[in-house]
Amino acid sequence: ISFTVPRKAECFHHDIFPDTVGDTPSLTSDEWLSGKDGRPKLISLEKGFVPTQQKEFKTDAPAPTENGNKEPVLDETDNKQILAAYHRLRGDYDTLQAELGARDVRIRQLESQITQLSSK
């Protein structure tokens, strides 16, 4: 949004540029996940936006697997289970698609009947 303010002063106008949400989080992820609420930390734009120094990202996630990939290595049993689950879900999907098609036909029939009844 562009606007012009009819002021001739060269100083920063706090009423036009109020404090805004900064880039520093008010809670840690653990605090937020535990249900705690926090108000955003506000910054002044008087000197422009100056980003804070980024903190090091720490995680409790397991290290990458031995093969260097981030994906776990699956054995033959896992592959069979995944394939069986895929085929089961694919069957469910096909069944639902067929039911949806049948209901679409029934809806068109009922709409046609309504149109015929209302024209009498």
Protein backbone atom coordinates (compact mmCIF):
# COMPACT_ATOMS: atom_id res chain seq x y z
CA ILE A 1 0.00 0.00 0.00
CA SER A 2 1.39 3.34 -0.97
CA PHE A 3 0.39 6.56 0.74
CA THR A 4 1.64 10.13 1.12
CA VAL A 5 1.69 11.85 4.48
CA PRO A 6 1.53 15.64 4.33
CA ARG A 7 4.36 16.29 6.79
CA LYS A 8 7.58 18.15 6.17
CA ALA A 9 9.54 16.95 9.21
CA GLU A 10 12.61 14.80 8.59
CA CYS A 11 12.30 12.86 11.85
CA PHE A 12 10.87 9.35 12.32
CA HIS A 13 7.10 9.28 12.85
CA HIS A 14 6.19 6.74 15.53
CA ASP A 15 2.48 7.24 14.89
CA ILE A 16 2.86 6.18 11.25
CA PHE A 17 5.29 3.32 11.89
CA PRO A 18 4.34 1.70 15.20
CA ASP A 19 6.43 -1.09 16.71
CA THR A 20 6.03 -4.32 14.78
CA VAL A 21 6.69 -8.01 15.34
CA GLY A 22 10.40 -8.78 15.30
CA ASP A 23 12.30 -11.88 14.26
CA THR A 24 13.02 -13.11 17.80
CA PRO A 25 10.60 -15.81 18.98
CA SER A 26 8.84 -15.18 22.27
CA LEU A 27 8.78 -18.90 23.16
CA THR A 28 10.97 -21.91 22.57
CA SER A 29 9.49 -24.84 20.70
CA ASP A 30 9.31 -26.86 23.93
CA GLU A 31 7.39 -24.07 25.67
CA TRP A 32 4.96 -23.77 22.76
CA LEU A 33 4.41 -27.54 22.53
CA SER A 34 3.69 -27.65 26.26
CA GLY A 35 0.80 -25.23 25.67
CA LYS A 36 2.34 -21.97 26.82
CA ASP A 37 1.33 -18.75 25.06
CA GLY A 38 3.56 -15.75 24.59
CA ARG A 39 3.10 -12.29 23.20
CA PRO A 40 5.23 -11.42 20.16
CA LYS A 41 8.40 -9.44 20.78
CA LEU A 42 8.08 -6.04 19.14
CA ILE A 43 10.81 -3.95 17.52
CA SER A 44 11.02 -0.32 16.45
CA LEU A 45 11.46 0.49 12.76
CA GLU A 46 13.12 3.83 13.50
CA LYS A 47 16.54 2.62 12.34
CA GLY A 48 15.14 0.18 9.80
CA PHE A 49 14.90 -3.57 10.25
CA VAL A 50 18.07 -5.04 11.67
CA PRO A 51 17.90 -8.85 11.89
CA THR A 52 19.09 -10.47 15.08
CA GLN A 53 21.95 -12.95 15.00
CA GLN A 54 20.67 -16.43 14.20
CA LYS A 55 21.00 -19.03 16.91
CA GLU A 56 22.33 -22.50 16.22
CA PHE A 57 19.56 -24.96 15.43
CA LYS A 58 19.51 -27.89 17.85
CA THR A 59 17.49 -31.06 17.42
CA ASP A 60 16.89 -34.34 19.19
CA ALA A 61 16.23 -36.09 15.88
CA PRO A 62 18.31 -39.16 15.13
CA ALA A 63 21.39 -38.77 12.96
CA PRO A 64 21.24 -39.78 9.29
CA THR A 65 21.51 -43.49 8.55
CA GLU A 66 24.78 -45.23 7.83
CA ASN A 67 24.23 -45.19 4.08
CA GLY A 68 24.44 -41.39 4.10
CA ASN A 69 20.81 -40.92 3.11
CA LYS A 70 18.28 -39.38 5.40
CA GLU A 71 15.82 -42.15 4.53
CA PRO A 72 15.93 -45.35 6.56
CA VAL A 73 17.00 -48.55 4.83
CA LEU A 74 14.02 -50.86 4.34
CA ASP A 75 14.32 -54.62 4.33
CA GLU A 76 12.24 -57.02 2.21
CA THR A 77 9.54 -57.40 4.91
CA ASP A 78 9.05 -53.64 5.08
CA ASN A 79 8.75 -53.45 1.30
CA LYS A 80 6.10 -56.19 1.27
CA GLN A 81 4.10 -54.46 4.00
CA ILE A 82 4.27 -51.14 2.19
CA LEU A 83 3.21 -52.74 -1.09
CA ALA A 84 0.29 -54.53 0.62
CA ALA A 85 -0.82 -51.27 2.27
CA TYR A 86 -0.59 -49.48 -1.08
CA HIS A 87 -2.78 -52.09 -2.82
CA ARG A 88 -5.30 -52.01 0.05
CA LEU A 89 -5.51 -48.21 -0.13
CA ARG A 90 -5.71 -48.28 -3.91
CA GLY A 91 -8.67 -50.68 -3.65
CA ASP A 92 -10.37 -48.40 -1.14
CA TYR A 93 -9.80 -45.45 -3.46
CA ASP A 94 -11.28 -47.29 -6.46
CA THR A 95 -14.32 -48.34 -4.40
CA LEU A 96 -14.91 -44.77 -3.23
CA GLN A 97 -14.57 -43.44 -6.79
CA ALA A 98 -17.19 -45.94 -7.97
CA GLU A 99 -19.57 -44.97 -5.14
CA LEU A 100 -19.08 -41.30 -5.92
CA GLY A 101 -19.88 -41.88 -9.59
CA ALA A 102 -23.05 -43.80 -8.70
CA ARG A 103 -24.16 -41.03 -6.35
CA ASP A 104 -23.54 -38.40 -9.03
CA VAL A 105 -25.86 -40.34 -11.36
CA ARG A 106 -28.51 -40.62 -8.62
CA ILE A 107 -28.26 -36.87 -7.89
CA ARG A 108 -28.82 -36.06 -11.58
CA GLN A 109 -31.86 -38.37 -11.64
CA LEU A 110 -33.36 -36.74 -8.55
CA GLU A 111 -32.71 -33.24 -9.88
CA SER A 112 -34.45 -34.20 -13.10
CA GLN A 113 -37.44 -35.52 -11.14
CA ILE A 114 -37.59 -32.29 -9.11
CA THR A 115 -37.54 -30.23 -12.31
CA GLN A 116 -40.37 -32.32 -13.81
CA LEU A 117 -42.48 -32.04 -10.64
CA SER A 118 -41.98 -28.31 -10.30
CA SER A 119 -42.98 -27.67 -13.93
CA LYS A 120 -46.41 -29.30 -13.44
